[in-house]
Amino acid sequence: MAPSSSSGLTFKLHPLVIVNISDHYTRVKTQLNPPASVCATGNASNNGEGKFQQDPRVYGCVIGVQRGRTVEIFNSFELLYDPSTQTLDRSFLEKKQELYKKVFPDFYILGWYSTGSDAEEADMHIHKALMDINESPVYVLLNPAINHTQKDLPVTIYESELHVIDGIPQLIFAHTSYTIETVEAERISVDHVAHLKPSDGGSAATQLAAHLTGIHSAIKMLNSRIRVLYQYLVAMQKGDIPCENSLLRQVTSLLRRLPAMESERFHDDFLMEYSDKLLITYLAMITNCSSTMNEMVDKFNTAYDRNTRRGGRTSFM
């Protein structure tokens, strides 16, 4: 078991990081272990290629800010790391870092994350590889194994400390405590995800999966019926089957219910509505700029009046 950290830093972890790591692990595990229905439709003659990888590991970077002795981890992104050769794709890392810098200029790479039950000795290789970006990176470890008796979050944060072992200085992982910090947007998102859990507590598909399955079935049925109708009309046009005027009238009535997207009236109405939306957006931007300008003028008048009272001058505006 890793020793406790003695750095004295305070760590704050946001739920978005946990959601990102869990999503990353779920996607990789699903790609490596496809469902049985998908495997059944594939080539059944591939002997030995259907072996499942039970516990794939994923890797990524965690980003955030450090204010004094407080480290706050806000977000994360994936990394391309090959554990077999212990090589890290530097170009991909630099590109992702540059993109995040444009959107979040105050965020810095604080460390990295992975999945597993405990920190391994091989994890120190990628930890040392990131020390040129952050001299003291943190390691966020998510345990994907389900433990119904565990009440705490399956997330552990490690720091690296230099200890002398058998007269040789070595870097080791030391786990540290953390707290969960949330903002309003994260609380709303987490609450929404929590309500997707089935009320019966079963491990089957969630309400979202059931809803998407229903939509997929409806679209599939509609597609099959349209295909049958199309094949029937093509056969009627070729003369393979006799023409039925009653059926053609029903098809014509059905088609007339569809919106006439190519009509001149629709085109004019669409352009008018589009122009109105652009005008409203333009007016909103002008109002926003005017409000900002008024605030700047008020601040300027306040500052200028404060400085000119001593000299006996009047206000500039």
Protein backbone atom coordinates (compact mmCIF):
# COMPACT_ATOMS: atom_id res chain seq x y z
CA MET A 1 0.00 0.00 0.00
CA ALA A 2 1.31 3.44 -0.93
CA PRO A 3 2.26 5.76 1.94
CA SER A 4 0.39 8.98 2.67
CA SER A 5 1.60 12.22 1.15
CA SER A 6 3.32 14.82 3.31
CA SER A 7 3.25 17.75 0.86
CA GLY A 8 0.39 19.54 2.60
CA LEU A 9 -1.41 20.37 -0.66
CA THR A 10 -5.20 20.56 -0.79
CA PHE A 11 -6.79 18.80 -3.77
CA LYS A 12 -10.22 19.58 -5.17
CA LEU A 13 -11.63 17.23 -7.80
CA HIS A 14 -14.53 18.13 -10.08
CA PRO A 15 -17.10 15.51 -11.15
CA LEU A 16 -16.41 16.19 -14.83
CA VAL A 17 -13.02 14.50 -14.48
CA ILE A 18 -14.60 11.33 -13.04
CA VAL A 19 -17.24 11.30 -15.79
CA ASN A 20 -14.57 11.71 -18.50
CA ILE A 21 -12.41 8.88 -17.16
CA SER A 22 -15.41 6.58 -16.79
CA ASP A 23 -16.59 7.40 -20.32
CA HIS A 24 -13.09 6.81 -21.72
CA TYR A 25 -12.84 3.41 -20.01
CA THR A 26 -16.35 2.37 -21.09
CA ARG A 27 -15.68 3.23 -24.75
CA VAL A 28 -12.39 1.36 -24.84
CA LYS A 29 -13.81 -1.70 -23.10
CA THR A 30 -16.81 -1.76 -25.45
CA GLN A 31 -14.55 -1.57 -28.50
CA LEU A 32 -12.33 -4.39 -27.25
CA ASN A 33 -15.23 -6.52 -25.98
CA PRO A 34 -18.14 -6.08 -28.42
CA PRO A 35 -21.58 -7.34 -27.43
CA ALA A 36 -22.49 -10.94 -28.15
CA SER A 37 -24.94 -9.90 -30.85
CA VAL A 38 -22.18 -8.11 -32.74
CA CYS A 39 -19.82 -11.05 -32.39
CA ALA A 40 -22.49 -13.43 -33.67
CA THR A 41 -22.92 -11.44 -36.89
CA GLY A 42 -19.18 -11.48 -37.58
CA ASN A 43 -17.07 -14.21 -39.06
CA ALA A 44 -17.46 -17.23 -36.81
CA SER A 45 -14.40 -18.94 -38.29
CA ASN A 46 -11.92 -16.61 -36.55
CA ASN A 47 -10.47 -19.00 -34.00
CA GLY A 48 -8.79 -17.34 -31.06
CA GLU A 49 -9.75 -13.82 -32.12
CA GLY A 50 -12.80 -13.59 -29.87
CA LYS A 51 -10.89 -13.49 -26.59
CA PHE A 52 -12.02 -10.67 -24.34
CA GLN A 53 -9.73 -8.27 -22.55
CA GLN A 54 -11.32 -7.98 -19.16
CA ASP A 55 -9.51 -4.94 -17.75
CA PRO A 56 -8.17 -2.54 -20.38
CA ARG A 57 -6.31 0.49 -19.09
CA VAL A 58 -6.83 4.00 -20.38
CA TYR A 59 -4.58 7.02 -20.04
CA GLY A 60 -5.09 10.76 -20.15
CA CYS A 61 -4.12 14.16 -18.74
CA VAL A 62 -5.86 16.14 -16.01
CA ILE A 63 -5.91 19.93 -16.24
CA GLY A 64 -6.82 22.67 -13.81
CA VAL A 65 -5.32 25.45 -11.73
CA GLN A 66 -3.13 25.73 -8.66
CA ARG A 67 -3.63 28.66 -6.32
CA GLY A 68 -1.02 28.57 -3.60
CA ARG A 69 -1.38 25.29 -1.73
CA THR A 70 -4.72 24.44 -3.36
CA VAL A 71 -4.83 22.30 -6.51
CA GLU A 72 -8.18 22.23 -8.32
CA ILE A 73 -8.67 19.66 -11.10
CA PHE A 74 -11.36 20.83 -13.53
CA ASN A 75 -11.13 18.72 -16.69
CA SER A 76 -9.23 16.00 -18.54
CA PHE A 77 -8.42 14.74 -22.01
CA GLU A 78 -7.18 11.47 -23.46
CA LEU A 79 -3.58 10.48 -24.22
CA LEU A 80 -2.06 8.14 -26.77
CA TYR A 81 0.22 5.89 -24.72
CA ASP A 82 1.54 2.45 -25.63
CA PRO A 83 2.18 0.45 -22.44
CA SER A 84 4.07 -2.28 -24.31
CA THR A 85 6.76 0.10 -25.55
CA GLN A 86 6.18 2.75 -22.84
CA THR A 87 6.03 5.48 -25.47
CA LEU A 88 3.92 8.63 -25.27
CA ASP A 89 2.68 10.44 -28.38
CA ARG A 90 4.21 13.85 -27.76
CA SER A 91 2.79 15.52 -30.85
CA PHE A 92 -0.76 14.52 -29.87
CA LEU A 93 -0.19 15.79 -26.33
CA GLU A 94 1.16 19.13 -27.51
CA LYS A 95 -1.72 19.57 -29.96
CA LYS A 96 -4.34 18.84 -27.30
CA GLN A 97 -2.57 21.17 -24.88
CA GLU A 98 -2.55 23.95 -27.46
CA LEU A 99 -6.26 23.50 -28.20
CA TYR A 100 -7.22 23.57 -24.53
CA LYS A 101 -5.06 26.65 -24.00
CA LYS A 102 -7.14 28.53 -26.56
CA VAL A 103 -10.40 27.70 -24.78
CA PHE A 104 -9.15 27.64 -21.16
CA PRO A 105 -6.10 29.91 -20.99
CA ASP A 106 -5.88 29.61 -17.18
CA PHE A 107 -5.77 25.81 -17.14
CA TYR A 108 -2.48 23.93 -16.95
CA ILE A 109 -1.58 20.26 -17.11
CA LEU A 110 -1.53 19.10 -13.50
CA GLY A 111 -0.86 15.42 -14.11
CA TRP A 112 -2.44 12.36 -15.64
CA TYR A 113 -5.02 9.67 -15.01
CA SER A 114 -5.41 5.96 -15.54
CA THR A 115 -7.61 3.04 -14.46
CA GLY A 116 -6.82 0.13 -12.20
CA SER A 117 -7.13 -1.14 -8.67
CA ASP A 118 -3.79 0.22 -7.47
CA ALA A 119 -0.77 2.14 -8.69
CA GLU A 120 1.69 -0.12 -10.48
CA GLU A 121 5.44 0.10 -10.81
CA ALA A 122 5.16 0.63 -14.57
CA ASP A 123 3.04 3.75 -13.98
CA MET A 124 6.15 5.62 -12.92
CA HIS A 125 7.40 5.65 -16.54
CA ILE A 126 4.55 7.80 -17.83
CA HIS A 127 4.70 9.82 -14.61
CA LYS A 128 8.34 10.70 -15.27
CA ALA A 129 7.56 11.42 -18.94
CA LEU A 130 5.25 14.26 -17.87
CA MET A 131 7.72 15.87 -15.49
CA ASP A 132 9.06 18.11 -18.24
CA ILE A 133 5.60 19.72 -18.38
CA ASN A 134 4.90 19.70 -14.64
CA GLU A 135 7.75 19.02 -12.27
CA SER A 136 5.38 17.48 -9.71
CA PRO A 137 2.46 15.89 -11.56
CA VAL A 138 -0.47 14.27 -9.81
CA TYR A 139 -1.80 10.82 -10.64
CA VAL A 140 -5.57 10.25 -10.60
CA LEU A 141 -6.47 6.56 -10.50
CA LEU A 142 -10.02 5.29 -11.08
CA ASN A 143 -10.90 1.74 -10.07
CA PRO A 144 -13.56 0.48 -12.54
CA ALA A 145 -14.28 -2.67 -10.53
CA ILE A 146 -17.73 -2.68 -8.92
CA ASN A 147 -17.65 -3.03 -5.14
CA HIS A 148 -21.12 -2.80 -3.57
CA THR A 149 -19.68 -2.63 -0.05
CA GLN A 150 -17.52 0.42 -0.82
CA LYS A 151 -19.13 3.71 0.18
CA ASP A 152 -16.39 6.09 -0.99
CA LEU A 153 -15.68 7.04 -4.58
CA PRO A 154 -13.30 4.58 -6.33
CA VAL A 155 -10.88 7.41 -7.09
CA THR A 156 -7.42 7.82 -5.61
CA ILE A 157 -5.02 10.73 -6.10
CA TYR A 158 -1.29 10.11 -5.83
CA GLU A 159 1.67 12.43 -5.58
CA SER A 160 5.27 11.51 -6.29
CA GLU A 161 7.79 11.81 -3.46
CA LEU A 162 11.50 11.16 -3.35
CA HIS A 163 12.36 8.53 -0.74
CA VAL A 164 15.68 6.87 0.05
CA ILE A 165 15.23 3.10 -0.22
CA ASP A 166 18.24 0.86 0.49
CA GLY A 167 20.49 3.88 0.19
CA ILE A 168 19.14 4.76 -3.28
CA PRO A 169 16.84 7.78 -3.83
CA GLN A 170 13.70 6.66 -5.64
CA LEU A 171 10.41 8.23 -6.67
CA ILE A 172 7.37 6.52 -5.17
CA PHE A 173 3.63 7.19 -5.24
CA ALA A 174 2.03 8.61 -2.09
CA HIS A 175 -1.73 8.83 -1.91
CA THR A 176 -3.36 12.04 -0.70
CA SER A 177 -6.83 13.10 0.34
CA TYR A 178 -9.17 15.19 -1.78
CA THR A 179 -12.59 16.80 -1.76
CA ILE A 180 -15.26 16.99 -4.47
CA GLU A 181 -15.80 20.53 -5.74
CA THR A 182 -18.70 21.35 -8.06
CA VAL A 183 -20.13 24.34 -9.87
CA GLU A 184 -23.77 24.93 -10.79
CA ALA A 185 -23.47 23.48 -14.31
CA GLU A 186 -21.84 20.30 -12.99
CA ARG A 187 -24.49 19.84 -10.31
CA ILE A 188 -27.25 20.07 -12.93
CA SER A 189 -25.46 17.58 -15.21
CA VAL A 190 -24.75 15.09 -12.43
CA ASP A 191 -28.34 15.32 -11.23
CA HIS A 192 -29.58 14.68 -14.77
CA VAL A 193 -27.33 11.61 -15.14
CA ALA A 194 -28.41 10.31 -11.74
CA HIS A 195 -32.07 10.42 -12.75
CA LEU A 196 -31.31 8.17 -15.75
CA LYS A 197 -30.78 5.23 -13.42
CA PRO A 198 -33.69 2.73 -13.43
CA SER A 199 -36.01 3.07 -10.46
CA ASP A 200 -35.97 -0.69 -9.84
CA GLY A 201 -32.20 -0.64 -9.36
CA GLY A 202 -31.65 -3.30 -12.00
CA SER A 203 -28.50 -3.60 -14.05
CA ALA A 204 -30.36 -3.64 -17.40
CA ALA A 205 -30.58 -0.75 -19.88
CA THR A 206 -31.18 2.66 -18.38
CA GLN A 207 -34.12 4.89 -19.22
CA LEU A 208 -32.00 6.66 -21.82
CA ALA A 209 -31.05 3.38 -23.49
CA ALA A 210 -34.69 2.27 -23.48
CA HIS A 211 -35.75 5.59 -25.01
CA LEU A 212 -33.11 5.37 -27.75
CA THR A 213 -34.05 1.75 -28.42
CA GLY A 214 -37.67 2.78 -28.90
CA ILE A 215 -36.70 5.54 -31.32
CA HIS A 216 -34.46 3.13 -33.24
CA SER A 217 -37.27 0.58 -33.53
CA ALA A 218 -39.72 3.23 -34.76
CA ILE A 219 -37.29 4.52 -37.40
CA LYS A 220 -36.49 0.97 -38.50
CA MET A 221 -40.18 0.15 -38.90
CA LEU A 222 -40.82 3.38 -40.82
CA ASN A 223 -37.88 2.65 -43.12
CA SER A 224 -39.11 -0.89 -43.84
CA ARG A 225 -42.64 0.31 -44.65
CA ILE A 226 -41.36 3.06 -46.94
CA ARG A 227 -39.17 0.49 -48.73
CA VAL A 228 -42.15 -1.82 -49.28
CA LEU A 229 -44.24 1.05 -50.63
CA TYR A 230 -41.41 2.17 -52.93
CA GLN A 231 -40.91 -1.34 -54.30
CA TYR A 232 -44.66 -1.65 -54.88
CA LEU A 233 -44.80 1.64 -56.83
CA VAL A 234 -41.75 0.68 -58.93
CA ALA A 235 -43.35 -2.65 -59.79
CA MET A 236 -46.59 -0.86 -60.67
CA GLN A 237 -44.71 1.55 -62.93
CA LYS A 238 -42.98 -1.32 -64.74
CA GLY A 239 -46.31 -3.06 -65.27
CA ASP A 240 -45.45 -6.11 -63.20
CA ILE A 241 -48.59 -5.63 -61.09
CA PRO A 242 -51.90 -4.00 -62.03
CA CYS A 243 -52.41 -0.32 -61.29
CA GLU A 244 -54.71 0.52 -58.36
CA ASN A 245 -56.00 4.08 -58.39
CA SER A 246 -57.23 3.94 -54.80
CA LEU A 247 -53.73 3.10 -53.55
CA LEU A 248 -52.18 5.85 -55.68
CA ARG A 249 -54.63 8.38 -54.22
CA GLN A 250 -53.60 7.32 -50.70
CA VAL A 251 -49.92 7.69 -51.57
CA THR A 252 -50.57 11.12 -53.11
CA SER A 253 -52.46 12.21 -49.99
CA LEU A 254 -49.58 11.01 -47.82
CA LEU A 255 -47.01 12.91 -49.87
CA ARG A 256 -49.04 16.10 -49.72
CA ARG A 257 -48.75 16.06 -45.95
CA LEU A 258 -45.00 16.52 -46.24
CA PRO A 259 -43.73 20.12 -46.17
CA ALA A 260 -43.09 21.57 -49.63
CA MET A 261 -39.42 22.43 -49.07
CA GLU A 262 -38.82 23.55 -52.66
CA SER A 263 -41.80 25.87 -53.06
CA GLU A 264 -41.27 29.58 -53.66
CA ARG A 265 -43.50 30.52 -50.73
CA PHE A 266 -41.48 28.40 -48.33
CA HIS A 267 -38.25 29.93 -49.61
CA ASP A 268 -39.56 33.47 -49.06
CA ASP A 269 -40.90 32.66 -45.59
CA PHE A 270 -37.64 30.97 -44.64
CA LEU A 271 -35.53 33.93 -45.76
CA MET A 272 -37.82 36.35 -43.90
CA GLU A 273 -37.60 34.36 -40.68
CA TYR A 274 -33.85 33.95 -41.09
CA SER A 275 -33.44 37.70 -41.60
CA ASP A 276 -35.56 38.43 -38.53
CA LYS A 277 -33.40 36.12 -36.41
CA LEU A 278 -30.22 37.78 -37.67
CA LEU A 279 -31.69 41.21 -36.97
CA ILE A 280 -32.62 40.23 -33.42
CA THR A 281 -29.12 38.84 -32.86
CA TYR A 282 -27.57 42.00 -34.27
CA LEU A 283 -29.72 44.21 -32.03
CA ALA A 284 -28.80 42.10 -29.01
CA MET A 285 -25.09 42.53 -29.79
CA ILE A 286 -25.53 46.30 -30.23
CA THR A 287 -27.40 46.49 -26.91
CA ASN A 288 -24.67 44.51 -25.19
CA CYS A 289 -21.94 46.72 -26.66
CA SER A 290 -23.84 49.87 -25.68
CA SER A 291 -24.25 48.62 -22.12
CA THR A 292 -20.53 47.82 -21.92
CA MET A 293 -19.68 51.22 -23.32
CA ASN A 294 -21.94 52.98 -20.79
CA GLU A 295 -20.30 51.11 -17.93
CA MET A 296 -16.87 52.12 -19.22
CA VAL A 297 -17.95 55.79 -19.53
CA ASP A 298 -19.36 55.77 -16.00
CA LYS A 299 -16.14 54.30 -14.62
CA PHE A 300 -14.09 56.80 -16.61
CA ASN A 301 -16.16 59.73 -15.32
CA THR A 302 -15.88 58.47 -11.76
CA ALA A 303 -12.11 58.04 -11.98
CA TYR A 304 -11.56 61.33 -13.88
CA ASP A 305 -13.80 63.31 -11.51
CA ARG A 306 -11.95 61.90 -8.51
CA ASN A 307 -8.60 63.00 -9.95
CA THR A 308 -9.75 66.44 -11.17
CA ARG A 309 -11.39 67.53 -7.92
CA ARG A 310 -7.98 68.11 -6.52
CA GLY A 311 -7.01 70.34 -9.47
CA GLY A 312 -10.29 72.24 -9.66
CA ARG A 313 -11.21 70.97 -13.15
CA THR A 314 -14.64 69.88 -14.34
CA SER A 315 -15.56 66.44 -15.57
CA PHE A 316 -14.58 65.47 -19.09
CA MET A 317 -18.04 63.97 -19.87
